[in-house]
Amino acid sequence: MASTDSAATDFSDDLPAELAAEERRAPAGTGPWRIALRRLRRNKVALAFGVLFLALVAVSLAAPIWAEEVAHTTPYQNRIADTITIDGEERNIVEFDGVPIGPTWHGEYFLGADRNGRDVMVRLLYGGRNSLLIGIGASIITMVLATLLGLLSGYFGGWLDWVISRCFDVMWAFPVILLGVALGVSLNISGITIGPLELESGSLWIPTVIIGIAYVVYLARPIRGQVLALREKEFVEAARAQGMGPWRIMLTELLPNLASTLLVFFPLIVANAILLEAALSFLGAGVQPPEPSWGLMISEGIEFLTSAPHLTIAPGIMLVLTVLALNIFGEGVRDALDPRAKIRLEH
C-alpha cells in the first residue's frame, strides 16, 4: 500500500442487494459487530492473507530459535574470513573479490551470506522482528495521538480546533518520506531528550516515534470530521442534558462510535508504517547498523545486485508479502464493517 497523503470516504445510497439480503437473513437481535464478523468469515481471500500475515509474524518471532538451534550464529556476528563445507566442498563465505556466498539451502547460511559474512536468513528473521515492532509500535502511537487530537478538535471546536487544524496543515504540507528523512537523520545523529524521555542515537524507538507522529494527520482528519458530525446527534445532546462532562461524553459516547473507523485504519496504518520504515532504513534515516531491517538489508545488497541478488530479493519478498497481506486483510475488514464505505489511501 502507498503512503497516505489524503483520505476520503464516499458512501453509496443503498446497500448492494446481496448484502441487504444477508442482513435480512441474520437472526433477530444480531448486533452489527456479529454481522461484520460473519461478512469477514465469508471473505476467504482476506482471511487467507490475514493468516499469511500471522505466519510471517510467527516466523519472525522464531528468529532466536533459528539462530541458536539451526544457524548457530547471531545477526551481528561477522565471519568474513571463515569457510563452510557444502556437499563435501569447502567454500569461502566471502570470496576474495568480496562477493558473498549464495544460498546453501542447508541450516547454516540457508539464504547465503552478506558482504560481512553474516547469515542472511538470521538477519532476515531478526529484521522482520524489528520491522514489525516498529510498524506496530508506530501505528499504536498514531492511533492514540490521532484519536485524542481528533476528539479534542472535533468536539470543542473554536480556537482549539483552529490551532490543531493549522498544525495538521503544516504537517500535511510535508511529504511523509521527506519529513521522516529530515527527522530521522537529525535524531539518529544526536538522539533526543524530552524531560524523563531519552532516546539514544541508533535506538529503534527513534524511527518508531518518527513514523508514529508522521501519520497522525492522515488519521486525525477523518476522525475530526466524524466527531463534528457525531457531536450534533441526539444521543450526545441527551448525554449533555444528563449532566455529563465533555471528557465523559468523548470517552463513553463518541469513542465507541469511532471504534469501527479505528479498526479499519489500523492494519492499513501498520502496512504504511512498515513500508515507510523500509524506505527510511534504505535511505539511512531509519534502523541503524548493525541492527537488521528489511529496508537496510535491501540498501546493503544493492551493491551486489548482479553478483549476489539474494541480498535484495529475500528482504524484498518478505516486505512485499507483509505489506500485501496487511492491505488485503485491511480491505476485508473495511468491507465487513461498512460495505458501503470506500476508504482510499492514495499518494
C-alpha atoms as a PDB file:
ATOM      1  CA  MET A   1       0.000   0.000   0.000  1.00  0.00           C
ATOM      2  CA  ALA A   2       1.204   3.514  -0.728  1.00  0.00           C
ATOM      3  CA  SER A   3       1.853   6.160   1.892  1.00  0.00           C
ATOM      4  CA  THR A   4      -1.164   8.322   2.656  1.00  0.00           C
ATOM      5  CA  ASP A   5      -1.333  11.933   1.682  1.00  0.00           C
ATOM      6  CA  SER A   6      -5.110  12.039   1.567  1.00  0.00           C
ATOM      7  CA  ALA A   7      -8.015  10.019   2.876  1.00  0.00           C
ATOM      8  CA  ALA A   8     -11.547  10.197   1.628  1.00  0.00           C
ATOM      9  CA  THR A   9     -14.736   8.370   2.474  1.00  0.00           C
ATOM     10  CA  ASP A  10     -17.582   8.009  -0.009  1.00  0.00           C
ATOM     11  CA  PHE A  11     -20.945   6.472   0.721  1.00  0.00           C
ATOM     12  CA  SER A  12     -23.421   4.995  -1.687  1.00  0.00           C
ATOM     13  CA  ASP A  13     -27.117   5.467  -1.048  1.00  0.00           C
ATOM     14  CA  ASP A  14     -28.149   1.847  -0.756  1.00  0.00           C
ATOM     15  CA  LEU A  15     -26.561  -1.420   0.298  1.00  0.00           C
ATOM     16  CA  PRO A  16     -25.831  -3.859  -2.521  1.00  0.00           C
ATOM     17  CA  ALA A  17     -28.594  -6.388  -2.970  1.00  0.00           C
ATOM     18  CA  GLU A  18     -26.565  -9.366  -1.721  1.00  0.00           C
ATOM     19  CA  LEU A  19     -25.542  -7.522   1.466  1.00  0.00           C
ATOM     20  CA  ALA A  20     -29.094  -6.395   2.130  1.00  0.00           C
ATOM     21  CA  ALA A  21     -30.256  -9.968   1.711  1.00  0.00           C
ATOM     22  CA  GLU A  22     -27.539 -11.159   4.088  1.00  0.00           C
ATOM     23  CA  GLU A  23     -28.678  -8.709   6.765  1.00  0.00           C
ATOM     24  CA  ARG A  24     -32.264  -9.887   6.347  1.00  0.00           C
ATOM     25  CA  ARG A  25     -31.116 -13.483   6.875  1.00  0.00           C
ATOM     26  CA  ALA A  26     -29.347 -12.573  10.129  1.00  0.00           C
ATOM     27  CA  PRO A  27     -31.273 -13.693  13.249  1.00  0.00           C
ATOM     28  CA  ALA A  28     -33.285 -11.038  15.028  1.00  0.00           C
ATOM     29  CA  GLY A  29     -31.212  -9.118  17.552  1.00  0.00           C
ATOM     30  CA  THR A  30     -27.905  -9.814  15.819  1.00  0.00           C
ATOM     31  CA  GLY A  31     -25.586  -6.874  16.509  1.00  0.00           C
ATOM     32  CA  PRO A  32     -23.550  -5.037  13.866  1.00  0.00           C
ATOM     33  CA  TRP A  33     -20.269  -6.499  15.139  1.00  0.00           C
ATOM     34  CA  ARG A  34     -21.562 -10.048  14.770  1.00  0.00           C
ATOM     35  CA  ILE A  35     -22.833  -9.276  11.266  1.00  0.00           C
ATOM     36  CA  ALA A  36     -19.432  -7.781  10.387  1.00  0.00           C
ATOM     37  CA  LEU A  37     -17.696 -10.904  11.671  1.00  0.00           C
ATOM     38  CA  ARG A  38     -19.955 -13.073   9.514  1.00  0.00           C
ATOM     39  CA  ARG A  39     -19.070 -10.975   6.458  1.00  0.00           C
ATOM     40  CA  LEU A  40     -15.360 -11.222   7.239  1.00  0.00           C
ATOM     41  CA  ARG A  41     -15.555 -15.006   7.685  1.00  0.00           C
ATOM     42  CA  ARG A  42     -17.128 -15.291   4.245  1.00  0.00           C
ATOM     43  CA  ASN A  43     -14.277 -13.263   2.681  1.00  0.00           C
ATOM     44  CA  LYS A  44     -11.880 -16.163   2.140  1.00  0.00           C
ATOM     45  CA  VAL A  45      -9.257 -14.061   0.351  1.00  0.00           C
ATOM     46  CA  ALA A  46      -8.985 -11.563   3.215  1.00  0.00           C
ATOM     47  CA  LEU A  47      -8.802 -14.374   5.771  1.00  0.00           C
ATOM     48  CA  ALA A  48      -6.099 -16.153   3.768  1.00  0.00           C
ATOM     49  CA  PHE A  49      -3.937 -13.044   3.689  1.00  0.00           C
ATOM     50  CA  GLY A  50      -4.625 -12.470   7.386  1.00  0.00           C
ATOM     51  CA  VAL A  51      -3.307 -15.957   8.083  1.00  0.00           C
ATOM     52  CA  LEU A  52      -0.300 -15.199   5.871  1.00  0.00           C
ATOM     53  CA  PHE A  53       0.495 -12.120   7.954  1.00  0.00           C
ATOM     54  CA  LEU A  54       0.223 -14.121  11.185  1.00  0.00           C
ATOM     55  CA  ALA A  55       2.556 -16.726   9.685  1.00  0.00           C
ATOM     56  CA  LEU A  56       5.106 -14.017   8.839  1.00  0.00           C
ATOM     57  CA  VAL A  57       4.843 -12.692  12.397  1.00  0.00           C
ATOM     58  CA  ALA A  58       5.330 -16.192  13.825  1.00  0.00           C
ATOM     59  CA  VAL A  59       8.362 -16.830  11.617  1.00  0.00           C
ATOM     60  CA  SER A  60       9.925 -13.520  12.664  1.00  0.00           C
ATOM     61  CA  LEU A  61       9.306 -14.226  16.335  1.00  0.00           C
ATOM     62  CA  ALA A  62      11.067 -17.562  15.888  1.00  0.00           C
ATOM     63  CA  ALA A  63      14.298 -15.796  14.861  1.00  0.00           C
ATOM     64  CA  PRO A  64      16.218 -16.662  18.088  1.00  0.00           C
ATOM     65  CA  ILE A  65      15.298 -20.336  17.714  1.00  0.00           C
ATOM     66  CA  TRP A  66      16.578 -20.471  14.130  1.00  0.00           C
ATOM     67  CA  ALA A  67      19.732 -18.531  15.017  1.00  0.00           C
ATOM     68  CA  GLU A  68      20.655 -20.696  18.010  1.00  0.00           C
ATOM     69  CA  GLU A  69      19.446 -24.145  17.016  1.00  0.00           C
ATOM     70  CA  VAL A  70      19.880 -24.158  13.228  1.00  0.00           C
ATOM     71  CA  ALA A  71      22.299 -21.467  12.041  1.00  0.00           C
ATOM     72  CA  HIS A  72      24.440 -21.376  15.211  1.00  0.00           C
ATOM     73  CA  THR A  73      25.198 -17.676  14.838  1.00  0.00           C
ATOM     74  CA  THR A  74      23.789 -14.214  15.621  1.00  0.00           C
ATOM     75  CA  PRO A  75      22.596 -11.429  13.344  1.00  0.00           C
ATOM     76  CA  TYR A  76      25.659  -9.363  14.281  1.00  0.00           C
ATOM     77  CA  GLN A  77      28.460 -11.945  14.019  1.00  0.00           C
ATOM     78  CA  ASN A  78      30.925 -11.203  11.188  1.00  0.00           C
ATOM     79  CA  ARG A  79      32.526 -14.313   9.665  1.00  0.00           C
ATOM     80  CA  ILE A  80      34.084 -12.777   6.590  1.00  0.00           C
ATOM     81  CA  ALA A  81      37.249 -14.940   6.719  1.00  0.00           C
ATOM     82  CA  ASP A  82      35.550 -18.252   7.602  1.00  0.00           C
ATOM     83  CA  THR A  83      34.856 -21.181   5.319  1.00  0.00           C
ATOM     84  CA  ILE A  84      31.978 -23.657   5.146  1.00  0.00           C
ATOM     85  CA  THR A  85      31.733 -27.180   3.782  1.00  0.00           C
ATOM     86  CA  ILE A  86      28.827 -27.736   1.387  1.00  0.00           C
ATOM     87  CA  ASP A  87      28.333 -31.237  -0.057  1.00  0.00           C
ATOM     88  CA  GLY A  88      31.943 -32.094   0.686  1.00  0.00           C
ATOM     89  CA  GLU A  89      33.305 -28.921  -0.933  1.00  0.00           C
ATOM     90  CA  GLU A  90      34.965 -26.250   1.210  1.00  0.00           C
ATOM     91  CA  ARG A  91      33.912 -22.772   0.199  1.00  0.00           C
ATOM     92  CA  ASN A  92      34.749 -19.281   1.386  1.00  0.00           C
ATOM     93  CA  ILE A  93      31.850 -17.458   2.990  1.00  0.00           C
ATOM     94  CA  VAL A  94      33.062 -14.299   1.266  1.00  0.00           C
ATOM     95  CA  GLU A  95      35.215 -14.709  -1.831  1.00  0.00           C
ATOM     96  CA  PHE A  96      38.444 -12.792  -2.328  1.00  0.00           C
ATOM     97  CA  ASP A  97      36.692 -10.406  -4.716  1.00  0.00           C
ATOM     98  CA  GLY A  98      34.204  -9.523  -1.928  1.00  0.00           C
ATOM     99  CA  VAL A  99      31.228 -11.461  -3.311  1.00  0.00           C
ATOM    100  CA  PRO A 100      29.436 -13.403  -0.518  1.00  0.00           C
ATOM    101  CA  ILE A 101      28.281 -16.995  -0.794  1.00  0.00           C
ATOM    102  CA  GLY A 102      24.779 -17.559  -2.171  1.00  0.00           C
ATOM    103  CA  PRO A 103      22.005 -19.724  -0.700  1.00  0.00           C
ATOM    104  CA  THR A 104      23.193 -23.113   0.511  1.00  0.00           C
ATOM    105  CA  TRP A 105      19.708 -24.431   1.388  1.00  0.00           C
ATOM    106  CA  HIS A 106      21.307 -26.000   4.469  1.00  0.00           C
ATOM    107  CA  GLY A 107      20.892 -24.972   8.097  1.00  0.00           C
ATOM    108  CA  GLU A 108      23.869 -22.627   8.070  1.00  0.00           C
ATOM    109  CA  TYR A 109      23.652 -19.837   5.505  1.00  0.00           C
ATOM    110  CA  PHE A 110      20.324 -21.138   4.244  1.00  0.00           C
ATOM    111  CA  LEU A 111      19.884 -17.941   2.190  1.00  0.00           C
ATOM    112  CA  GLY A 112      23.584 -17.209   1.861  1.00  0.00           C
ATOM    113  CA  ALA A 113      25.748 -14.550   3.471  1.00  0.00           C
ATOM    114  CA  ASP A 114      26.169 -10.791   3.174  1.00  0.00           C
ATOM    115  CA  ARG A 115      29.417  -8.968   2.457  1.00  0.00           C
ATOM    116  CA  ASN A 116      30.423  -9.181   6.147  1.00  0.00           C
ATOM    117  CA  GLY A 117      29.866 -12.931   6.309  1.00  0.00           C
ATOM    118  CA  ARG A 118      26.666 -12.651   8.325  1.00  0.00           C
ATOM    119  CA  ASP A 119      23.895 -15.208   7.825  1.00  0.00           C
ATOM    120  CA  VAL A 120      21.200 -13.630   5.607  1.00  0.00           C
ATOM    121  CA  MET A 121      18.431 -15.910   6.911  1.00  0.00           C
ATOM    122  CA  VAL A 122      19.186 -14.955  10.513  1.00  0.00           C
ATOM    123  CA  ARG A 123      19.308 -11.250   9.682  1.00  0.00           C
ATOM    124  CA  LEU A 124      16.130 -11.588   7.620  1.00  0.00           C
ATOM    125  CA  LEU A 125      14.205 -13.020  10.577  1.00  0.00           C
ATOM    126  CA  TYR A 126      15.600 -10.516  13.059  1.00  0.00           C
ATOM    127  CA  GLY A 127      14.976  -7.753  10.531  1.00  0.00           C
ATOM    128  CA  GLY A 128      11.355  -8.878  10.381  1.00  0.00           C
ATOM    129  CA  ARG A 129      11.118  -8.601  14.158  1.00  0.00           C
ATOM    130  CA  ASN A 130      12.464  -5.053  14.034  1.00  0.00           C
ATOM    131  CA  SER A 131      10.287  -4.014  11.086  1.00  0.00           C
ATOM    132  CA  LEU A 132       7.130  -5.449  12.675  1.00  0.00           C
ATOM    133  CA  LEU A 133       7.973  -3.962  16.074  1.00  0.00           C
ATOM    134  CA  ILE A 134       8.494  -0.520  14.565  1.00  0.00           C
ATOM    135  CA  GLY A 135       5.423  -0.780  12.324  1.00  0.00           C
ATOM    136  CA  ILE A 136       3.024  -1.898  15.054  1.00  0.00           C
ATOM    137  CA  GLY A 137       4.528   0.427  17.679  1.00  0.00           C
ATOM    138  CA  ALA A 138       4.336   3.417  15.343  1.00  0.00           C
ATOM    139  CA  SER A 139       0.733   2.554  14.449  1.00  0.00           C
ATOM    140  CA  ILE A 140      -0.264   2.463  18.127  1.00  0.00           C
ATOM    141  CA  ILE A 141       1.325   5.892  18.624  1.00  0.00           C
ATOM    142  CA  THR A 142      -0.540   7.169  15.562  1.00  0.00           C
ATOM    143  CA  MET A 143      -3.876   5.762  16.733  1.00  0.00           C
ATOM    144  CA  VAL A 144      -3.577   7.204  20.247  1.00  0.00           C
ATOM    145  CA  LEU A 145      -2.449  10.688  19.179  1.00  0.00           C
ATOM    146  CA  ALA A 146      -4.822  10.908  16.211  1.00  0.00           C
ATOM    147  CA  THR A 147      -7.824   9.801  18.279  1.00  0.00           C
ATOM    148  CA  LEU A 148      -7.035  12.273  21.057  1.00  0.00           C
ATOM    149  CA  LEU A 149      -6.432  15.213  18.713  1.00  0.00           C
ATOM    150  CA  GLY A 150      -9.414  14.345  16.519  1.00  0.00           C
ATOM    151  CA  LEU A 151     -11.733  14.158  19.524  1.00  0.00           C
ATOM    152  CA  LEU A 152     -10.496  17.425  21.005  1.00  0.00           C
ATOM    153  CA  SER A 153     -10.595  19.281  17.705  1.00  0.00           C
ATOM    154  CA  GLY A 154     -13.965  17.982  16.595  1.00  0.00           C
ATOM    155  CA  TYR A 155     -15.808  18.195  19.919  1.00  0.00           C
ATOM    156  CA  PHE A 156     -14.615  21.528  21.329  1.00  0.00           C
ATOM    157  CA  GLY A 157     -14.170  23.423  18.055  1.00  0.00           C
ATOM    158  CA  GLY A 158     -13.349  27.130  18.344  1.00  0.00           C
ATOM    159  CA  TRP A 159      -9.771  28.250  18.904  1.00  0.00           C
ATOM    160  CA  LEU A 160      -8.619  24.754  19.884  1.00  0.00           C
ATOM    161  CA  ASP A 161      -9.893  23.355  16.598  1.00  0.00           C
ATOM    162  CA  TRP A 162      -8.173  26.211  14.744  1.00  0.00           C
ATOM    163  CA  VAL A 163      -4.804  25.582  16.404  1.00  0.00           C
ATOM    164  CA  ILE A 164      -4.915  21.811  15.878  1.00  0.00           C
ATOM    165  CA  SER A 165      -6.097  22.182  12.288  1.00  0.00           C
ATOM    166  CA  ARG A 166      -3.277  24.627  11.469  1.00  0.00           C
ATOM    167  CA  CYS A 167      -0.758  22.156  12.905  1.00  0.00           C
ATOM    168  CA  PHE A 168      -2.304  19.492  10.688  1.00  0.00           C
ATOM    169  CA  ASP A 169      -1.939  21.816   7.687  1.00  0.00           C
ATOM    170  CA  VAL A 170       1.769  22.275   8.406  1.00  0.00           C
ATOM    171  CA  MET A 171       2.341  18.511   8.664  1.00  0.00           C
ATOM    172  CA  TRP A 172       0.222  17.931   5.558  1.00  0.00           C
ATOM    173  CA  ALA A 173       2.489  20.289   3.583  1.00  0.00           C
ATOM    174  CA  PHE A 174       5.474  17.950   4.024  1.00  0.00           C
ATOM    175  CA  PRO A 175       5.609  14.650   2.082  1.00  0.00           C
ATOM    176  CA  VAL A 176       5.761  11.941   4.717  1.00  0.00           C
ATOM    177  CA  ILE A 177       9.003  10.466   3.364  1.00  0.00           C
ATOM    178  CA  LEU A 178      10.699  13.895   3.378  1.00  0.00           C
ATOM    179  CA  LEU A 179       9.541  14.587   6.931  1.00  0.00           C
ATOM    180  CA  GLY A 180      10.719  11.145   8.045  1.00  0.00           C
ATOM    181  CA  VAL A 181      14.162  11.530   6.476  1.00  0.00           C
ATOM    182  CA  ALA A 182      14.679  15.010   7.956  1.00  0.00           C
ATOM    183  CA  LEU A 183      13.737  13.894  11.470  1.00  0.00           C
ATOM    184  CA  GLY A 184      15.465  10.523  11.193  1.00  0.00           C
ATOM    185  CA  VAL A 185      18.833  11.914  10.122  1.00  0.00           C
ATOM    186  CA  SER A 186      18.885  14.608  12.801  1.00  0.00           C
ATOM    187  CA  LEU A 187      17.714  12.382  15.668  1.00  0.00           C
ATOM    188  CA  ASN A 188      19.966   9.450  14.748  1.00  0.00           C
ATOM    189  CA  ILE A 189      22.937  11.782  14.975  1.00  0.00           C
ATOM    190  CA  SER A 190      22.235  13.376  18.337  1.00  0.00           C
ATOM    191  CA  GLY A 191      19.356  11.465  19.913  1.00  0.00           C
ATOM    192  CA  ILE A 192      16.641  13.322  21.799  1.00  0.00           C
ATOM    193  CA  THR A 193      15.843  14.098  25.415  1.00  0.00           C
ATOM    194  CA  ILE A 194      12.418  15.436  26.438  1.00  0.00           C
ATOM    195  CA  GLY A 195      12.112  15.564  30.210  1.00  0.00           C
ATOM    196  CA  PRO A 196      12.390  11.996  31.537  1.00  0.00           C
ATOM    197  CA  LEU A 197      12.180  10.587  27.982  1.00  0.00           C
ATOM    198  CA  GLU A 198      15.602   9.923  26.461  1.00  0.00           C
ATOM    199  CA  LEU A 199      16.144   8.247  23.095  1.00  0.00           C
ATOM    200  CA  GLU A 200      19.741   7.416  22.313  1.00  0.00           C
ATOM    201  CA  SER A 201      21.181   7.687  18.827  1.00  0.00           C
ATOM    202  CA  GLY A 202      20.504   4.494  16.869  1.00  0.00           C
ATOM    203  CA  SER A 203      17.611   3.392  19.090  1.00  0.00           C
ATOM    204  CA  LEU A 204      14.737   1.543  17.412  1.00  0.00           C
ATOM    205  CA  TRP A 205      12.400   3.930  19.201  1.00  0.00           C
ATOM    206  CA  ILE A 206      13.591   6.828  17.015  1.00  0.00           C
ATOM    207  CA  PRO A 207      12.046   5.544  13.745  1.00  0.00           C
ATOM    208  CA  THR A 208       9.059   4.256  15.735  1.00  0.00           C
ATOM    209  CA  VAL A 209       8.271   7.698  17.157  1.00  0.00           C
ATOM    210  CA  ILE A 210       9.018   9.491  13.882  1.00  0.00           C
ATOM    211  CA  ILE A 211       6.700   7.257  11.844  1.00  0.00           C
ATOM    212  CA  GLY A 212       4.031   7.354  14.542  1.00  0.00           C
ATOM    213  CA  ILE A 213       3.960  11.154  14.507  1.00  0.00           C
ATOM    214  CA  ALA A 214       4.264  11.451  10.714  1.00  0.00           C
ATOM    215  CA  TYR A 215       1.000   9.572  10.100  1.00  0.00           C
ATOM    216  CA  VAL A 216      -1.084  11.294  12.790  1.00  0.00           C
ATOM    217  CA  VAL A 217      -2.555  13.878  10.443  1.00  0.00           C
ATOM    218  CA  TYR A 218      -3.792  11.256   7.955  1.00  0.00           C
ATOM    219  CA  LEU A 219      -5.923   9.571  10.607  1.00  0.00           C
ATOM    220  CA  ALA A 220      -6.785  12.562  12.799  1.00  0.00           C
ATOM    221  CA  ARG A 221      -8.510  14.461   9.988  1.00  0.00           C
ATOM    222  CA  PRO A 222     -11.094  11.737   9.220  1.00  0.00           C
ATOM    223  CA  ILE A 223     -11.693  11.285  12.957  1.00  0.00           C
ATOM    224  CA  ARG A 224     -12.201  15.032  13.407  1.00  0.00           C
ATOM    225  CA  GLY A 225     -14.753  15.066  10.582  1.00  0.00           C
ATOM    226  CA  GLN A 226     -16.621  12.129  12.103  1.00  0.00           C
ATOM    227  CA  VAL A 227     -16.661  13.763  15.547  1.00  0.00           C
ATOM    228  CA  LEU A 228     -18.000  17.008  14.031  1.00  0.00           C
ATOM    229  CA  ALA A 229     -20.969  15.033  12.712  1.00  0.00           C
ATOM    230  CA  LEU A 230     -21.478  12.940  15.850  1.00  0.00           C
ATOM    231  CA  ARG A 231     -21.461  15.822  18.320  1.00  0.00           C
ATOM    232  CA  GLU A 232     -24.749  17.116  16.851  1.00  0.00           C
ATOM    233  CA  LYS A 233     -26.542  13.794  17.226  1.00  0.00           C
ATOM    234  CA  GLU A 234     -29.406  13.269  19.646  1.00  0.00           C
ATOM    235  CA  PHE A 235     -27.531  10.830  21.899  1.00  0.00           C
ATOM    236  CA  VAL A 236     -24.831  13.458  22.536  1.00  0.00           C
ATOM    237  CA  GLU A 237     -27.459  16.082  23.316  1.00  0.00           C
ATOM    238  CA  ALA A 238     -29.112  13.616  25.698  1.00  0.00           C
ATOM    239  CA  ALA A 239     -25.782  12.998  27.431  1.00  0.00           C
ATOM    240  CA  ARG A 240     -25.280  16.750  27.908  1.00  0.00           C
ATOM    241  CA  ALA A 241     -28.816  17.035  29.293  1.00  0.00           C
ATOM    242  CA  GLN A 242     -27.966  14.342  31.850  1.00  0.00           C
ATOM    243  CA  GLY A 243     -25.079  16.461  33.085  1.00  0.00           C
ATOM    244  CA  MET A 244     -22.174  14.529  31.530  1.00  0.00           C
ATOM    245  CA  GLY A 245     -18.962  16.481  31.171  1.00  0.00           C
ATOM    246  CA  PRO A 246     -17.030  16.816  27.877  1.00  0.00           C
ATOM    247  CA  TRP A 247     -14.434  14.174  28.714  1.00  0.00           C
ATOM    248  CA  ARG A 248     -17.040  11.633  29.750  1.00  0.00           C
ATOM    249  CA  ILE A 249     -19.038  12.273  26.587  1.00  0.00           C
ATOM    250  CA  MET A 250     -15.940  11.832  24.438  1.00  0.00           C
ATOM    251  CA  LEU A 251     -14.917   8.610  26.164  1.00  0.00           C
ATOM    252  CA  THR A 252     -18.295   6.929  26.632  1.00  0.00           C
ATOM    253  CA  GLU A 253     -20.397   8.313  23.772  1.00  0.00           C
ATOM    254  CA  LEU A 254     -18.113   9.372  20.909  1.00  0.00           C
ATOM    255  CA  LEU A 255     -15.171   6.978  21.198  1.00  0.00           C
ATOM    256  CA  PRO A 256     -17.290   3.789  20.884  1.00  0.00           C
ATOM    257  CA  ASN A 257     -18.742   5.199  17.664  1.00  0.00           C
ATOM    258  CA  LEU A 258     -15.213   5.641  16.309  1.00  0.00           C
ATOM    259  CA  ALA A 259     -14.221   2.035  17.029  1.00  0.00           C
ATOM    260  CA  SER A 260     -15.077   0.707  13.574  1.00  0.00           C
ATOM    261  CA  THR A 261     -13.134   3.512  11.876  1.00  0.00           C
ATOM    262  CA  LEU A 262     -10.078   2.861  14.047  1.00  0.00           C
ATOM    263  CA  LEU A 263     -10.316  -0.880  13.460  1.00  0.00           C
ATOM    264  CA  VAL A 264     -10.450  -0.369   9.696  1.00  0.00           C
ATOM    265  CA  PHE A 265      -7.489   2.010   9.644  1.00  0.00           C
ATOM    266  CA  PHE A 266      -5.204   0.057  11.974  1.00  0.00           C
ATOM    267  CA  PRO A 267      -3.974  -2.678   9.567  1.00  0.00           C
ATOM    268  CA  LEU A 268      -3.639  -0.092   6.799  1.00  0.00           C
ATOM    269  CA  ILE A 269      -1.561   2.186   9.039  1.00  0.00           C
ATOM    270  CA  VAL A 270       0.615  -0.768  10.081  1.00  0.00           C
ATOM    271  CA  ALA A 271       1.279  -1.573   6.403  1.00  0.00           C
ATOM    272  CA  ASN A 272       2.164   2.056   5.683  1.00  0.00           C
ATOM    273  CA  ALA A 273       4.416   2.221   8.750  1.00  0.00           C
ATOM    274  CA  ILE A 274       6.345  -0.923   7.753  1.00  0.00           C
ATOM    275  CA  LEU A 275       6.758   0.434   4.231  1.00  0.00           C
ATOM    276  CA  LEU A 276       7.928   3.826   5.485  1.00  0.00           C
ATOM    277  CA  GLU A 277      10.376   2.194   7.902  1.00  0.00           C
ATOM    278  CA  ALA A 278      11.856   0.232   4.999  1.00  0.00           C
ATOM    279  CA  ALA A 279      12.174   3.414   2.950  1.00  0.00           C
ATOM    280  CA  LEU A 280      13.817   5.345   5.796  1.00  0.00           C
ATOM    281  CA  SER A 281      16.219   2.482   6.544  1.00  0.00           C
ATOM    282  CA  PHE A 282      17.060   2.213   2.839  1.00  0.00           C
ATOM    283  CA  LEU A 283      17.955   5.914   2.856  1.00  0.00           C
ATOM    284  CA  GLY A 284      19.957   5.629   6.095  1.00  0.00           C
ATOM    285  CA  ALA A 285      17.446   7.518   8.259  1.00  0.00           C
ATOM    286  CA  GLY A 286      15.737   4.561   9.927  1.00  0.00           C
ATOM    287  CA  VAL A 287      17.203   1.488  11.598  1.00  0.00           C
ATOM    288  CA  GLN A 288      20.947   1.928  12.037  1.00  0.00           C
ATOM    289  CA  PRO A 289      23.631  -0.769  11.527  1.00  0.00           C
ATOM    290  CA  PRO A 290      24.401  -3.293  12.864  1.00  0.00           C
ATOM    291  CA  GLU A 291      20.691  -3.770  13.683  1.00  0.00           C
ATOM    292  CA  PRO A 292      18.968  -5.601  10.794  1.00  0.00           C
ATOM    293  CA  SER A 293      15.938  -4.320   8.932  1.00  0.00           C
ATOM    294  CA  TRP A 294      14.409  -5.310   5.606  1.00  0.00           C
ATOM    295  CA  GLY A 295      14.944  -1.838   4.163  1.00  0.00           C
ATOM    296  CA  LEU A 296      18.527  -1.710   5.445  1.00  0.00           C
ATOM    297  CA  MET A 297      19.244  -5.182   4.018  1.00  0.00           C
ATOM    298  CA  ILE A 298      17.953  -4.084   0.612  1.00  0.00           C
ATOM    299  CA  SER A 299      20.159  -0.984   0.789  1.00  0.00           C
ATOM    300  CA  GLU A 300      23.237  -3.050   1.699  1.00  0.00           C
ATOM    301  CA  GLY A 301      22.525  -5.538  -1.096  1.00  0.00           C
ATOM    302  CA  ILE A 302      22.142  -3.026  -3.928  1.00  0.00           C
ATOM    303  CA  GLU A 303      25.917  -3.063  -4.473  1.00  0.00           C
ATOM    304  CA  PHE A 304      25.774  -6.822  -5.237  1.00  0.00           C
ATOM    305  CA  LEU A 305      22.540  -6.781  -7.220  1.00  0.00           C
ATOM    306  CA  THR A 306      24.042  -8.703 -10.164  1.00  0.00           C
ATOM    307  CA  SER A 307      26.616 -10.900  -8.381  1.00  0.00           C
ATOM    308  CA  ALA A 308      24.583 -11.732  -5.239  1.00  0.00           C
ATOM    309  CA  PRO A 309      20.909 -10.914  -5.929  1.00  0.00           C
ATOM    310  CA  HIS A 310      19.760 -12.916  -2.881  1.00  0.00           C
ATOM    311  CA  LEU A 311      20.791  -9.974  -0.687  1.00  0.00           C
ATOM    312  CA  THR A 312      17.957  -7.841  -2.094  1.00  0.00           C
ATOM    313  CA  ILE A 313      15.479 -10.480  -3.271  1.00  0.00           C
ATOM    314  CA  ALA A 314      14.996 -12.143   0.143  1.00  0.00           C
ATOM    315  CA  PRO A 315      14.122  -8.999   2.162  1.00  0.00           C
ATOM    316  CA  GLY A 316      12.210  -7.586  -0.805  1.00  0.00           C
ATOM    317  CA  ILE A 317       9.931 -10.633  -0.958  1.00  0.00           C
ATOM    318  CA  MET A 318       9.305 -10.514   2.805  1.00  0.00           C
ATOM    319  CA  LEU A 319       8.474  -6.814   2.625  1.00  0.00           C
ATOM    320  CA  VAL A 320       6.092  -7.225  -0.312  1.00  0.00           C
ATOM    321  CA  LEU A 321       4.299 -10.208   1.265  1.00  0.00           C
ATOM    322  CA  THR A 322       3.844  -8.407   4.601  1.00  0.00           C
ATOM    323  CA  VAL A 323       2.501  -5.175   3.119  1.00  0.00           C
ATOM    324  CA  LEU A 324       0.299  -7.031   0.620  1.00  0.00           C
ATOM    325  CA  ALA A 325      -1.158  -9.272   3.336  1.00  0.00           C
ATOM    326  CA  LEU A 326      -1.956  -6.310   5.589  1.00  0.00           C
ATOM    327  CA  ASN A 327      -3.549  -4.308   2.780  1.00  0.00           C
ATOM    328  CA  ILE A 328      -5.813  -7.091   1.547  1.00  0.00           C
ATOM    329  CA  PHE A 329      -6.816  -8.093   5.077  1.00  0.00           C
ATOM    330  CA  GLY A 330      -7.436  -4.419   5.942  1.00  0.00           C
ATOM    331  CA  GLU A 331      -9.688  -4.037   2.908  1.00  0.00           C
ATOM    332  CA  GLY A 332     -11.575  -7.137   4.009  1.00  0.00           C
ATOM    333  CA  VAL A 333     -12.097  -5.650   7.477  1.00  0.00           C
ATOM    334  CA  ARG A 334     -13.301  -2.417   5.880  1.00  0.00           C
ATOM    335  CA  ASP A 335     -15.810  -4.235   3.677  1.00  0.00           C
ATOM    336  CA  ALA A 336     -17.036  -6.284   6.639  1.00  0.00           C
ATOM    337  CA  LEU A 337     -17.577  -3.303   8.934  1.00  0.00           C
ATOM    338  CA  ASP A 338     -19.094  -0.961   6.355  1.00  0.00           C
ATOM    339  CA  PRO A 339     -19.661  -2.402   2.875  1.00  0.00           C
ATOM    340  CA  ARG A 340     -20.940   0.983   1.687  1.00  0.00           C
ATOM    341  CA  ALA A 341     -17.716   2.819   2.528  1.00  0.00           C
ATOM    342  CA  LYS A 342     -14.821   3.168   0.104  1.00  0.00           C
ATOM    343  CA  ILE A 343     -11.837   4.439   2.047  1.00  0.00           C
ATOM    344  CA  ARG A 344      -8.999   5.383  -0.282  1.00  0.00           C
ATOM    345  CA  LEU A 345      -5.447   5.935   0.858  1.00  0.00           C
ATOM    346  CA  GLU A 346      -3.523   7.450  -2.007  1.00  0.00           C
ATOM    347  CA  HIS A 347      -0.435   9.408  -2.914  1.00  0.00           C
END
